[in-house]
Amino acid sequence: MFVGALTLDILLGDVRSLKEKRSVVRPIVAELRRKFSVSVAETGDQHLYRRCEIGVAVAASTAAHCAEVMDSCERFVAGRPEIELLSARQRLFSSEEESNHG
């Protein structure tokens, strides 16, 4: 089993309050969940209204499938016109790595 973790650092457009931030971030999080069947949450910068960190997790039987899903999620977010994707970081974990350390 492989687990992929994707961290997205996002700059929000014309947002002037935390309430406006939620109205932009919530639909993105919901659409990632629905479209890609991943676990996703706002994981950082909750106190800043123009910045957002979104964390995405995916579990799959192959590393290639994990990478494919993370790439698709990243492209989806990067294509949103109301935000700017500042950076994306992917990490891949293998259950075999854990069993070798035990």
N, C-alpha and C. Protein backbone atom coordinates (compact mmCIF):
# COMPACT_ATOMS: atom_id res chain seq x y z
N MET A 1 0.84 -1.18 0.00
CA MET A 1 0.00 0.00 0.00
C MET A 1 0.88 1.24 0.00
N PHE A 2 0.41 2.25 -0.70
CA PHE A 2 1.11 3.53 -0.77
C PHE A 2 0.16 4.64 -0.34
N VAL A 3 0.71 5.63 0.35
CA VAL A 3 -0.06 6.80 0.77
C VAL A 3 0.65 8.03 0.23
N GLY A 4 -0.09 8.87 -0.46
CA GLY A 4 0.45 10.11 -0.98
C GLY A 4 -0.07 11.28 -0.19
N ALA A 5 0.81 12.24 0.09
CA ALA A 5 0.42 13.46 0.79
C ALA A 5 0.79 14.65 -0.09
N LEU A 6 -0.19 15.47 -0.36
CA LEU A 6 0.00 16.66 -1.20
C LEU A 6 -0.32 17.89 -0.36
N THR A 7 0.61 18.83 -0.30
CA THR A 7 0.40 20.08 0.42
C THR A 7 0.39 21.22 -0.60
N LEU A 8 -0.70 21.97 -0.60
CA LEU A 8 -0.89 23.07 -1.54
C LEU A 8 -0.88 24.40 -0.80
N ASP A 9 0.00 25.30 -1.20
CA ASP A 9 0.06 26.65 -0.62
C ASP A 9 -0.62 27.59 -1.61
N ILE A 10 -1.69 28.24 -1.16
CA ILE A 10 -2.56 28.99 -2.05
C ILE A 10 -2.67 30.44 -1.62
N LEU A 11 -2.63 31.33 -2.61
CA LEU A 11 -2.92 32.74 -2.39
C LEU A 11 -4.31 33.01 -2.94
N LEU A 12 -5.18 33.52 -2.10
CA LEU A 12 -6.55 33.82 -2.51
C LEU A 12 -6.61 35.19 -3.15
N GLY A 13 -7.54 35.36 -4.07
CA GLY A 13 -7.67 36.62 -4.79
C GLY A 13 -8.25 37.74 -3.94
N ASP A 14 -9.34 38.29 -4.37
CA ASP A 14 -9.95 39.45 -3.74
C ASP A 14 -10.78 39.03 -2.52
N VAL A 15 -10.08 38.67 -1.45
CA VAL A 15 -10.71 38.21 -0.22
C VAL A 15 -10.34 39.17 0.90
N ARG A 16 -11.36 39.65 1.62
CA ARG A 16 -11.10 40.66 2.66
C ARG A 16 -11.48 40.22 4.07
N SER A 17 -11.92 38.96 4.22
CA SER A 17 -12.29 38.49 5.55
C SER A 17 -12.18 36.97 5.60
N LEU A 18 -12.19 36.43 6.81
CA LEU A 18 -12.15 34.97 6.96
C LEU A 18 -13.44 34.35 6.42
N LYS A 19 -14.55 35.07 6.52
CA LYS A 19 -15.81 34.57 5.98
C LYS A 19 -15.74 34.43 4.45
N GLU A 20 -15.18 35.44 3.79
CA GLU A 20 -15.00 35.36 2.34
C GLU A 20 -14.03 34.24 1.98
N LYS A 21 -12.99 34.08 2.80
CA LYS A 21 -12.03 33.00 2.57
C LYS A 21 -12.74 31.65 2.57
N ARG A 22 -13.58 31.41 3.57
CA ARG A 22 -14.32 30.15 3.66
C ARG A 22 -15.18 29.92 2.43
N SER A 23 -15.76 31.00 1.90
CA SER A 23 -16.64 30.85 0.73
C SER A 23 -15.85 30.47 -0.53
N VAL A 24 -14.54 30.72 -0.53
CA VAL A 24 -13.69 30.31 -1.65
C VAL A 24 -13.11 28.92 -1.41
N VAL A 25 -12.65 28.67 -0.18
CA VAL A 25 -11.93 27.43 0.13
C VAL A 25 -12.87 26.23 0.22
N ARG A 26 -14.01 26.38 0.85
CA ARG A 26 -14.92 25.24 1.04
C ARG A 26 -15.32 24.55 -0.26
N PRO A 27 -15.70 25.28 -1.31
CA PRO A 27 -16.05 24.60 -2.56
C PRO A 27 -14.87 23.86 -3.20
N ILE A 28 -13.66 24.39 -3.05
CA ILE A 28 -12.48 23.71 -3.58
C ILE A 28 -12.25 22.40 -2.84
N VAL A 29 -12.31 22.44 -1.52
CA VAL A 29 -12.14 21.24 -0.70
C VAL A 29 -13.21 20.20 -1.04
N ALA A 30 -14.45 20.63 -1.14
CA ALA A 30 -15.55 19.72 -1.44
C ALA A 30 -15.40 19.09 -2.82
N GLU A 31 -14.98 19.88 -3.80
CA GLU A 31 -14.82 19.37 -5.16
C GLU A 31 -13.65 18.39 -5.26
N LEU A 32 -12.56 18.66 -4.55
CA LEU A 32 -11.44 17.70 -4.52
C LEU A 32 -11.91 16.36 -3.95
N ARG A 33 -12.65 16.43 -2.85
CA ARG A 33 -13.18 15.20 -2.22
C ARG A 33 -14.06 14.43 -3.20
N ARG A 34 -14.99 15.15 -3.83
CA ARG A 34 -15.98 14.50 -4.70
C ARG A 34 -15.34 13.96 -5.98
N LYS A 35 -14.52 14.77 -6.60
CA LYS A 35 -13.99 14.44 -7.91
C LYS A 35 -12.88 13.38 -7.87
N PHE A 36 -12.06 13.40 -6.82
CA PHE A 36 -10.89 12.52 -6.79
C PHE A 36 -10.93 11.47 -5.67
N SER A 37 -11.98 11.44 -4.87
CA SER A 37 -12.12 10.47 -3.76
C SER A 37 -10.88 10.47 -2.85
N VAL A 38 -10.48 11.65 -2.42
CA VAL A 38 -9.33 11.81 -1.54
C VAL A 38 -9.78 12.40 -0.21
N SER A 39 -8.93 12.29 0.79
CA SER A 39 -9.14 13.00 2.05
C SER A 39 -8.50 14.36 1.90
N VAL A 40 -9.22 15.40 2.29
CA VAL A 40 -8.70 16.76 2.09
C VAL A 40 -9.20 17.67 3.19
N ALA A 41 -8.34 18.61 3.60
CA ALA A 41 -8.72 19.57 4.65
C ALA A 41 -7.85 20.81 4.53
N GLU A 42 -8.36 21.90 5.07
CA GLU A 42 -7.54 23.10 5.22
C GLU A 42 -6.62 22.82 6.39
N THR A 43 -5.31 22.83 6.15
CA THR A 43 -4.37 22.36 7.16
C THR A 43 -3.46 23.45 7.71
N GLY A 44 -3.55 24.66 7.19
CA GLY A 44 -2.68 25.71 7.70
C GLY A 44 -3.15 27.09 7.27
N ASP A 45 -2.58 28.09 7.89
CA ASP A 45 -2.88 29.49 7.60
C ASP A 45 -4.35 29.85 7.84
N GLN A 46 -4.99 29.17 8.80
CA GLN A 46 -6.41 29.44 9.06
C GLN A 46 -6.67 30.87 9.53
N HIS A 47 -5.69 31.49 10.16
CA HIS A 47 -5.87 32.85 10.69
C HIS A 47 -5.61 33.94 9.64
N LEU A 48 -5.05 33.57 8.50
CA LEU A 48 -4.78 34.53 7.43
C LEU A 48 -5.88 34.47 6.39
N TYR A 49 -6.44 35.59 6.00
CA TYR A 49 -7.58 35.52 5.08
C TYR A 49 -7.19 35.50 3.61
N ARG A 50 -5.94 35.79 3.25
CA ARG A 50 -5.55 35.73 1.83
C ARG A 50 -4.67 34.53 1.51
N ARG A 51 -4.32 33.73 2.53
CA ARG A 51 -3.49 32.55 2.31
C ARG A 51 -4.23 31.31 2.81
N CYS A 52 -3.91 30.19 2.21
CA CYS A 52 -4.55 28.94 2.59
C CYS A 52 -3.59 27.79 2.31
N GLU A 53 -3.54 26.85 3.22
CA GLU A 53 -2.83 25.60 2.96
C GLU A 53 -3.86 24.49 2.96
N ILE A 54 -3.85 23.71 1.91
CA ILE A 54 -4.76 22.57 1.80
C ILE A 54 -3.92 21.31 1.75
N GLY A 55 -4.30 20.33 2.57
CA GLY A 55 -3.64 19.04 2.58
C GLY A 55 -4.54 17.99 1.95
N VAL A 56 -3.94 17.17 1.08
CA VAL A 56 -4.67 16.11 0.39
C VAL A 56 -3.95 14.80 0.67
N ALA A 57 -4.71 13.75 1.00
CA ALA A 57 -4.13 12.43 1.21
C ALA A 57 -4.84 11.41 0.33
N VAL A 58 -4.05 10.51 -0.25
CA VAL A 58 -4.60 9.47 -1.10
C VAL A 58 -3.91 8.15 -0.76
N ALA A 59 -4.70 7.08 -0.74
CA ALA A 59 -4.16 5.74 -0.53
C ALA A 59 -4.42 4.92 -1.79
N ALA A 60 -3.41 4.14 -2.21
CA ALA A 60 -3.55 3.34 -3.43
C ALA A 60 -2.62 2.13 -3.35
N SER A 61 -2.87 1.19 -4.26
CA SER A 61 -2.05 -0.02 -4.27
C SER A 61 -0.71 0.17 -4.97
N THR A 62 -0.59 1.22 -5.78
CA THR A 62 0.68 1.48 -6.46
C THR A 62 1.13 2.92 -6.27
N ALA A 63 2.44 3.12 -6.31
CA ALA A 63 3.00 4.47 -6.20
C ALA A 63 2.57 5.31 -7.40
N ALA A 64 2.49 4.69 -8.57
CA ALA A 64 2.11 5.41 -9.78
C ALA A 64 0.70 5.98 -9.67
N HIS A 65 -0.22 5.18 -9.12
CA HIS A 65 -1.60 5.67 -8.98
C HIS A 65 -1.66 6.82 -7.98
N CYS A 66 -0.93 6.72 -6.88
CA CYS A 66 -0.87 7.82 -5.91
C CYS A 66 -0.38 9.10 -6.59
N ALA A 67 0.71 9.00 -7.33
CA ALA A 67 1.28 10.16 -8.01
C ALA A 67 0.30 10.73 -9.03
N GLU A 68 -0.39 9.86 -9.74
CA GLU A 68 -1.36 10.31 -10.75
C GLU A 68 -2.50 11.11 -10.11
N VAL A 69 -3.02 10.61 -8.99
CA VAL A 69 -4.11 11.30 -8.30
C VAL A 69 -3.62 12.64 -7.73
N MET A 70 -2.42 12.66 -7.12
CA MET A 70 -1.89 13.92 -6.59
C MET A 70 -1.66 14.93 -7.70
N ASP A 71 -1.13 14.48 -8.84
CA ASP A 71 -0.94 15.38 -9.99
C ASP A 71 -2.27 15.95 -10.47
N SER A 72 -3.29 15.11 -10.53
CA SER A 72 -4.62 15.57 -10.97
C SER A 72 -5.19 16.60 -10.00
N CYS A 73 -5.04 16.37 -8.70
CA CYS A 73 -5.52 17.32 -7.70
C CYS A 73 -4.78 18.65 -7.83
N GLU A 74 -3.48 18.57 -8.03
CA GLU A 74 -2.68 19.79 -8.18
C GLU A 74 -3.11 20.58 -9.42
N ARG A 75 -3.31 19.90 -10.54
CA ARG A 75 -3.75 20.57 -11.78
C ARG A 75 -5.13 21.20 -11.59
N PHE A 76 -6.03 20.50 -10.89
CA PHE A 76 -7.37 21.02 -10.64
C PHE A 76 -7.30 22.34 -9.87
N VAL A 77 -6.51 22.36 -8.80
CA VAL A 77 -6.40 23.57 -7.97
C VAL A 77 -5.68 24.68 -8.75
N ALA A 78 -4.63 24.34 -9.48
CA ALA A 78 -3.89 25.34 -10.25
C ALA A 78 -4.76 25.98 -11.32
N GLY A 79 -5.76 25.26 -11.79
CA GLY A 79 -6.63 25.78 -12.84
C GLY A 79 -7.77 26.66 -12.35
N ARG A 80 -7.89 26.81 -11.04
CA ARG A 80 -8.97 27.65 -10.50
C ARG A 80 -8.62 29.13 -10.71
N PRO A 81 -9.49 29.90 -11.37
CA PRO A 81 -9.15 31.29 -11.68
C PRO A 81 -9.17 32.23 -10.47
N GLU A 82 -9.88 31.86 -9.40
CA GLU A 82 -10.02 32.77 -8.26
C GLU A 82 -8.86 32.68 -7.27
N ILE A 83 -7.90 31.79 -7.53
CA ILE A 83 -6.77 31.62 -6.62
C ILE A 83 -5.48 31.52 -7.42
N GLU A 84 -4.35 31.60 -6.68
CA GLU A 84 -3.03 31.38 -7.29
C GLU A 84 -2.33 30.30 -6.46
N LEU A 85 -1.94 29.23 -7.12
CA LEU A 85 -1.21 28.15 -6.45
C LEU A 85 0.25 28.57 -6.36
N LEU A 86 0.72 28.83 -5.13
CA LEU A 86 2.09 29.29 -4.93
C LEU A 86 3.08 28.14 -4.95
N SER A 87 2.71 27.02 -4.33
CA SER A 87 3.59 25.86 -4.33
C SER A 87 2.79 24.60 -4.03
N ALA A 88 3.35 23.48 -4.46
CA ALA A 88 2.75 22.18 -4.19
C ALA A 88 3.88 21.22 -3.84
N ARG A 89 3.68 20.47 -2.79
CA ARG A 89 4.70 19.50 -2.37
C ARG A 89 4.06 18.13 -2.25
N GLN A 90 4.64 17.16 -2.93
CA GLN A 90 4.14 15.79 -2.87
C GLN A 90 5.11 14.93 -2.09
N ARG A 91 4.53 14.05 -1.26
CA ARG A 91 5.34 13.06 -0.54
C ARG A 91 4.65 11.71 -0.68
N LEU A 92 5.43 10.67 -0.78
CA LEU A 92 4.90 9.33 -0.96
C LEU A 92 5.44 8.43 0.13
N PHE A 93 4.55 7.69 0.76
CA PHE A 93 4.92 6.76 1.83
C PHE A 93 4.52 5.36 1.42
N SER A 94 5.35 4.39 1.77
CA SER A 94 5.08 3.00 1.43
C SER A 94 4.95 2.18 2.70
N SER A 95 3.99 1.28 2.74
CA SER A 95 3.85 0.40 3.91
C SER A 95 5.04 -0.53 4.02
N GLU A 96 5.73 -0.80 2.91
CA GLU A 96 6.92 -1.65 2.94
C GLU A 96 8.06 -0.98 3.70
N GLU A 97 8.16 0.35 3.58
CA GLU A 97 9.20 1.09 4.31
C GLU A 97 9.01 0.91 5.81
N GLU A 98 7.75 0.99 6.26
CA GLU A 98 7.46 0.87 7.68
C GLU A 98 7.79 -0.53 8.19
N SER A 99 7.43 -1.58 7.44
CA SER A 99 7.66 -2.94 7.89
C SER A 99 9.16 -3.27 7.93
N ASN A 100 9.96 -2.60 7.10
CA ASN A 100 11.41 -2.83 7.10
C ASN A 100 12.07 -2.22 8.32
N HIS A 101 11.43 -1.21 8.94
CA HIS A 101 12.02 -0.56 10.11
C HIS A 101 11.58 -1.23 11.41
N GLY A 102 10.58 -2.09 11.35
CA GLY A 102 10.01 -2.70 12.56
C GLY A 102 10.81 -3.83 12.99
